[in-house]
N, C-alpha and C. Protein backbone atom coordinates (compact mmCIF):
# COMPACT_ATOMS: atom_id res chain seq x y z
N MET A 1 13.13 -2.83 -20.82
CA MET A 1 12.89 -1.60 -20.10
C MET A 1 11.51 -1.66 -19.44
N PHE A 2 11.45 -1.27 -18.20
CA PHE A 2 10.21 -1.33 -17.44
C PHE A 2 9.28 -0.20 -17.89
N PRO A 3 8.05 -0.52 -18.30
CA PRO A 3 7.13 0.52 -18.78
C PRO A 3 6.56 1.36 -17.64
N ILE A 4 6.50 2.65 -17.86
CA ILE A 4 5.90 3.59 -16.92
C ILE A 4 4.61 4.10 -17.54
N LEU A 5 3.52 4.03 -16.78
CA LEU A 5 2.22 4.49 -17.25
C LEU A 5 1.79 5.67 -16.39
N GLU A 6 1.11 6.64 -17.02
CA GLU A 6 0.67 7.82 -16.28
C GLU A 6 -0.77 8.15 -16.58
N THR A 7 -1.45 8.64 -15.55
CA THR A 7 -2.78 9.23 -15.70
C THR A 7 -2.67 10.66 -15.19
N ASP A 8 -3.77 11.35 -15.12
CA ASP A 8 -3.73 12.72 -14.60
C ASP A 8 -3.24 12.77 -13.15
N ARG A 9 -3.56 11.75 -12.36
CA ARG A 9 -3.22 11.76 -10.94
C ARG A 9 -2.15 10.77 -10.52
N LEU A 10 -1.91 9.74 -11.34
CA LEU A 10 -1.05 8.63 -10.91
C LEU A 10 0.11 8.37 -11.86
N ILE A 11 1.15 7.78 -11.30
CA ILE A 11 2.26 7.23 -12.08
C ILE A 11 2.36 5.76 -11.68
N LEU A 12 2.29 4.88 -12.66
CA LEU A 12 2.52 3.46 -12.42
C LEU A 12 3.96 3.20 -12.83
N ARG A 13 4.78 2.80 -11.87
CA ARG A 13 6.21 2.69 -12.09
C ARG A 13 6.77 1.45 -11.40
N GLU A 14 8.01 1.16 -11.70
CA GLU A 14 8.68 0.03 -11.07
C GLU A 14 8.80 0.26 -9.57
N VAL A 15 8.58 -0.78 -8.80
CA VAL A 15 8.81 -0.73 -7.36
C VAL A 15 10.31 -0.90 -7.15
N LYS A 16 10.89 0.01 -6.37
CA LYS A 16 12.35 0.02 -6.20
C LYS A 16 12.72 -0.22 -4.74
N GLU A 17 13.99 -0.50 -4.52
CA GLU A 17 14.46 -0.79 -3.17
C GLU A 17 14.21 0.37 -2.21
N GLU A 18 14.23 1.59 -2.70
CA GLU A 18 13.96 2.73 -1.82
C GLU A 18 12.50 2.78 -1.35
N ASP A 19 11.65 1.94 -1.94
CA ASP A 19 10.26 1.83 -1.50
C ASP A 19 10.09 0.82 -0.37
N ALA A 20 11.19 0.24 0.10
CA ALA A 20 11.13 -0.86 1.08
C ALA A 20 10.35 -0.48 2.34
N ILE A 21 10.59 0.68 2.89
CA ILE A 21 9.91 1.07 4.13
C ILE A 21 8.41 1.19 3.90
N THR A 22 8.02 1.79 2.78
CA THR A 22 6.60 1.95 2.48
C THR A 22 5.94 0.60 2.25
N ILE A 23 6.56 -0.24 1.45
CA ILE A 23 6.01 -1.58 1.20
C ILE A 23 5.92 -2.38 2.49
N TYR A 24 6.96 -2.29 3.30
CA TYR A 24 6.94 -2.99 4.59
C TYR A 24 5.79 -2.50 5.46
N SER A 25 5.56 -1.19 5.47
CA SER A 25 4.50 -0.64 6.32
C SER A 25 3.12 -1.18 5.90
N TYR A 26 2.93 -1.45 4.63
CA TYR A 26 1.66 -2.02 4.17
C TYR A 26 1.59 -3.52 4.45
N PHE A 27 2.62 -4.26 4.03
CA PHE A 27 2.61 -5.71 4.10
C PHE A 27 2.87 -6.26 5.50
N SER A 28 3.12 -5.41 6.46
CA SER A 28 3.27 -5.87 7.84
C SER A 28 1.94 -5.82 8.59
N LYS A 29 0.88 -5.41 7.92
CA LYS A 29 -0.45 -5.31 8.53
C LYS A 29 -1.31 -6.51 8.13
N ASP A 30 -1.85 -7.18 9.12
CA ASP A 30 -2.69 -8.36 8.85
C ASP A 30 -3.90 -8.02 7.99
N GLU A 31 -4.47 -6.84 8.15
CA GLU A 31 -5.65 -6.49 7.34
C GLU A 31 -5.30 -6.30 5.86
N VAL A 32 -4.05 -6.08 5.56
CA VAL A 32 -3.60 -5.97 4.16
C VAL A 32 -3.31 -7.36 3.59
N THR A 33 -2.61 -8.19 4.34
CA THR A 33 -2.15 -9.48 3.82
C THR A 33 -3.16 -10.61 3.93
N GLN A 34 -4.25 -10.40 4.63
CA GLN A 34 -5.19 -11.51 4.86
C GLN A 34 -5.73 -12.11 3.57
N TYR A 35 -5.80 -11.35 2.48
CA TYR A 35 -6.31 -11.87 1.21
C TYR A 35 -5.21 -12.17 0.21
N TYR A 36 -3.96 -12.02 0.62
CA TYR A 36 -2.82 -12.30 -0.27
C TYR A 36 -2.38 -13.75 -0.20
N GLY A 37 -2.83 -14.49 0.80
CA GLY A 37 -2.38 -15.86 0.96
C GLY A 37 -0.96 -15.94 1.48
N GLN A 38 -0.57 -14.95 2.25
CA GLN A 38 0.76 -14.93 2.85
C GLN A 38 0.68 -14.32 4.23
N SER A 39 1.70 -14.56 5.02
CA SER A 39 1.76 -13.98 6.36
C SER A 39 2.25 -12.54 6.27
N SER A 40 1.89 -11.77 7.27
CA SER A 40 2.37 -10.38 7.34
C SER A 40 3.87 -10.36 7.55
N PHE A 41 4.51 -9.34 6.99
CA PHE A 41 5.96 -9.20 7.13
C PHE A 41 6.32 -8.93 8.58
N LYS A 42 7.42 -9.51 8.99
CA LYS A 42 7.97 -9.28 10.33
C LYS A 42 9.27 -8.49 10.27
N HIS A 43 9.93 -8.49 9.08
CA HIS A 43 11.22 -7.83 8.92
C HIS A 43 11.27 -7.09 7.58
N ILE A 44 12.00 -6.00 7.54
CA ILE A 44 12.13 -5.19 6.33
C ILE A 44 12.76 -5.99 5.19
N ASN A 45 13.58 -6.97 5.51
CA ASN A 45 14.21 -7.78 4.46
C ASN A 45 13.19 -8.54 3.63
N GLU A 46 12.02 -8.80 4.19
CA GLU A 46 10.96 -9.47 3.44
C GLU A 46 10.47 -8.57 2.31
N ALA A 47 10.43 -7.27 2.54
CA ALA A 47 10.05 -6.33 1.48
C ALA A 47 11.09 -6.33 0.38
N LYS A 48 12.35 -6.39 0.75
CA LYS A 48 13.43 -6.41 -0.25
C LYS A 48 13.37 -7.68 -1.09
N LYS A 49 13.05 -8.81 -0.48
CA LYS A 49 12.91 -10.06 -1.22
C LYS A 49 11.72 -9.98 -2.18
N LEU A 50 10.69 -9.28 -1.76
CA LEU A 50 9.52 -9.10 -2.62
C LEU A 50 9.89 -8.36 -3.89
N PHE A 51 10.73 -7.31 -3.77
CA PHE A 51 11.18 -6.57 -4.96
C PHE A 51 11.92 -7.48 -5.92
N GLU A 52 12.76 -8.35 -5.36
CA GLU A 52 13.50 -9.28 -6.19
C GLU A 52 12.55 -10.19 -6.97
N SER A 53 11.48 -10.63 -6.32
CA SER A 53 10.51 -11.49 -7.01
C SER A 53 9.76 -10.70 -8.08
N PHE A 54 9.43 -9.43 -7.81
CA PHE A 54 8.79 -8.58 -8.83
C PHE A 54 9.69 -8.46 -10.05
N ARG A 55 10.97 -8.18 -9.81
CA ARG A 55 11.94 -7.98 -10.90
C ARG A 55 12.12 -9.26 -11.71
N LYS A 56 12.23 -10.40 -11.01
CA LYS A 56 12.42 -11.68 -11.69
C LYS A 56 11.19 -12.04 -12.53
N THR A 57 10.02 -11.81 -12.01
CA THR A 57 8.79 -12.10 -12.75
C THR A 57 8.74 -11.28 -14.03
N PHE A 58 9.13 -10.00 -13.95
CA PHE A 58 9.15 -9.14 -15.14
C PHE A 58 10.20 -9.62 -16.13
N GLU A 59 11.40 -9.90 -15.65
CA GLU A 59 12.49 -10.36 -16.52
C GLU A 59 12.15 -11.66 -17.22
N ASP A 60 11.42 -12.53 -16.53
CA ASP A 60 11.02 -13.81 -17.10
C ASP A 60 9.77 -13.71 -17.96
N LYS A 61 9.24 -12.50 -18.09
CA LYS A 61 8.03 -12.24 -18.89
C LYS A 61 6.82 -13.04 -18.41
N ARG A 62 6.74 -13.22 -17.08
CA ARG A 62 5.60 -13.93 -16.49
C ARG A 62 4.56 -12.98 -15.93
N GLY A 63 4.91 -11.70 -15.82
CA GLY A 63 3.98 -10.72 -15.28
C GLY A 63 4.70 -9.43 -14.97
N ILE A 64 3.94 -8.48 -14.45
CA ILE A 64 4.51 -7.19 -14.10
C ILE A 64 3.76 -6.62 -12.90
N ARG A 65 4.50 -6.01 -12.01
CA ARG A 65 3.90 -5.38 -10.83
C ARG A 65 4.36 -3.94 -10.80
N TRP A 66 3.40 -3.04 -10.93
CA TRP A 66 3.69 -1.61 -10.87
C TRP A 66 3.47 -1.09 -9.45
N GLY A 67 4.26 -0.11 -9.07
CA GLY A 67 3.98 0.67 -7.88
C GLY A 67 3.05 1.80 -8.29
N ILE A 68 2.06 2.10 -7.47
CA ILE A 68 1.11 3.18 -7.75
C ILE A 68 1.53 4.39 -6.93
N GLU A 69 1.93 5.44 -7.63
CA GLU A 69 2.43 6.64 -6.98
C GLU A 69 1.51 7.83 -7.28
N LEU A 70 1.18 8.60 -6.26
CA LEU A 70 0.40 9.82 -6.46
C LEU A 70 1.32 10.89 -7.04
N LYS A 71 0.91 11.51 -8.13
CA LYS A 71 1.75 12.54 -8.75
C LYS A 71 1.99 13.73 -7.81
N ASP A 72 0.93 14.16 -7.13
CA ASP A 72 1.02 15.36 -6.29
C ASP A 72 2.05 15.22 -5.17
N SER A 73 2.01 14.09 -4.47
CA SER A 73 2.85 13.92 -3.29
C SER A 73 4.06 13.02 -3.52
N ARG A 74 4.08 12.32 -4.67
CA ARG A 74 5.13 11.34 -4.98
C ARG A 74 5.13 10.19 -3.98
N GLN A 75 3.98 9.96 -3.34
CA GLN A 75 3.83 8.91 -2.35
C GLN A 75 3.38 7.61 -3.01
N LEU A 76 4.04 6.51 -2.65
CA LEU A 76 3.63 5.19 -3.11
C LEU A 76 2.42 4.76 -2.27
N VAL A 77 1.30 4.48 -2.93
CA VAL A 77 0.07 4.16 -2.20
C VAL A 77 -0.38 2.72 -2.40
N GLY A 78 0.33 1.97 -3.22
CA GLY A 78 -0.04 0.58 -3.43
C GLY A 78 0.66 0.02 -4.65
N THR A 79 0.22 -1.16 -5.04
CA THR A 79 0.76 -1.82 -6.23
C THR A 79 -0.39 -2.42 -7.02
N ILE A 80 -0.10 -2.72 -8.26
CA ILE A 80 -1.07 -3.40 -9.12
C ILE A 80 -0.31 -4.42 -9.95
N TRP A 81 -0.93 -5.56 -10.17
CA TRP A 81 -0.28 -6.72 -10.76
C TRP A 81 -0.97 -7.14 -12.04
N PHE A 82 -0.19 -7.46 -13.04
CA PHE A 82 -0.69 -8.11 -14.25
C PHE A 82 0.07 -9.41 -14.41
N HIS A 83 -0.64 -10.51 -14.45
CA HIS A 83 -0.02 -11.82 -14.58
C HIS A 83 -0.24 -12.32 -16.00
N ALA A 84 0.85 -12.66 -16.66
CA ALA A 84 0.75 -13.21 -18.03
C ALA A 84 0.25 -14.65 -17.95
N ALA A 85 -0.93 -14.89 -18.51
CA ALA A 85 -1.51 -16.23 -18.46
C ALA A 85 -0.78 -17.15 -19.42
N SER A 86 -0.68 -18.40 -19.05
CA SER A 86 -0.07 -19.40 -19.92
C SER A 86 -0.99 -19.69 -21.08
N VAL A 87 -0.40 -19.91 -22.21
CA VAL A 87 -1.18 -20.28 -23.40
C VAL A 87 -1.11 -21.79 -23.54
N MET A 88 -2.27 -22.42 -23.59
CA MET A 88 -2.32 -23.89 -23.74
C MET A 88 -2.52 -24.24 -25.19
N HIS A 89 -1.82 -25.25 -25.63
CA HIS A 89 -1.94 -25.72 -27.03
C HIS A 89 -2.82 -26.92 -27.12
């Protein structure tokens, strides 16, 4: 089950397919993607593929990516990532 975290102002929740337009609007801007090491999105389907990678990473227990939603407006304003580091023996 995907964990939901809350603060007084924010809800950290799973990024869902209905967030595609919002995610696309962010990731299609060069000023957003310039530090991600990826090209800006050209098509909405790229946002949908991104969700699939978020879900797979969580299912594989390699990390988790939350959507950051403002409680007041229910607007998705970004994402935050936690990457599970490998343990070396």
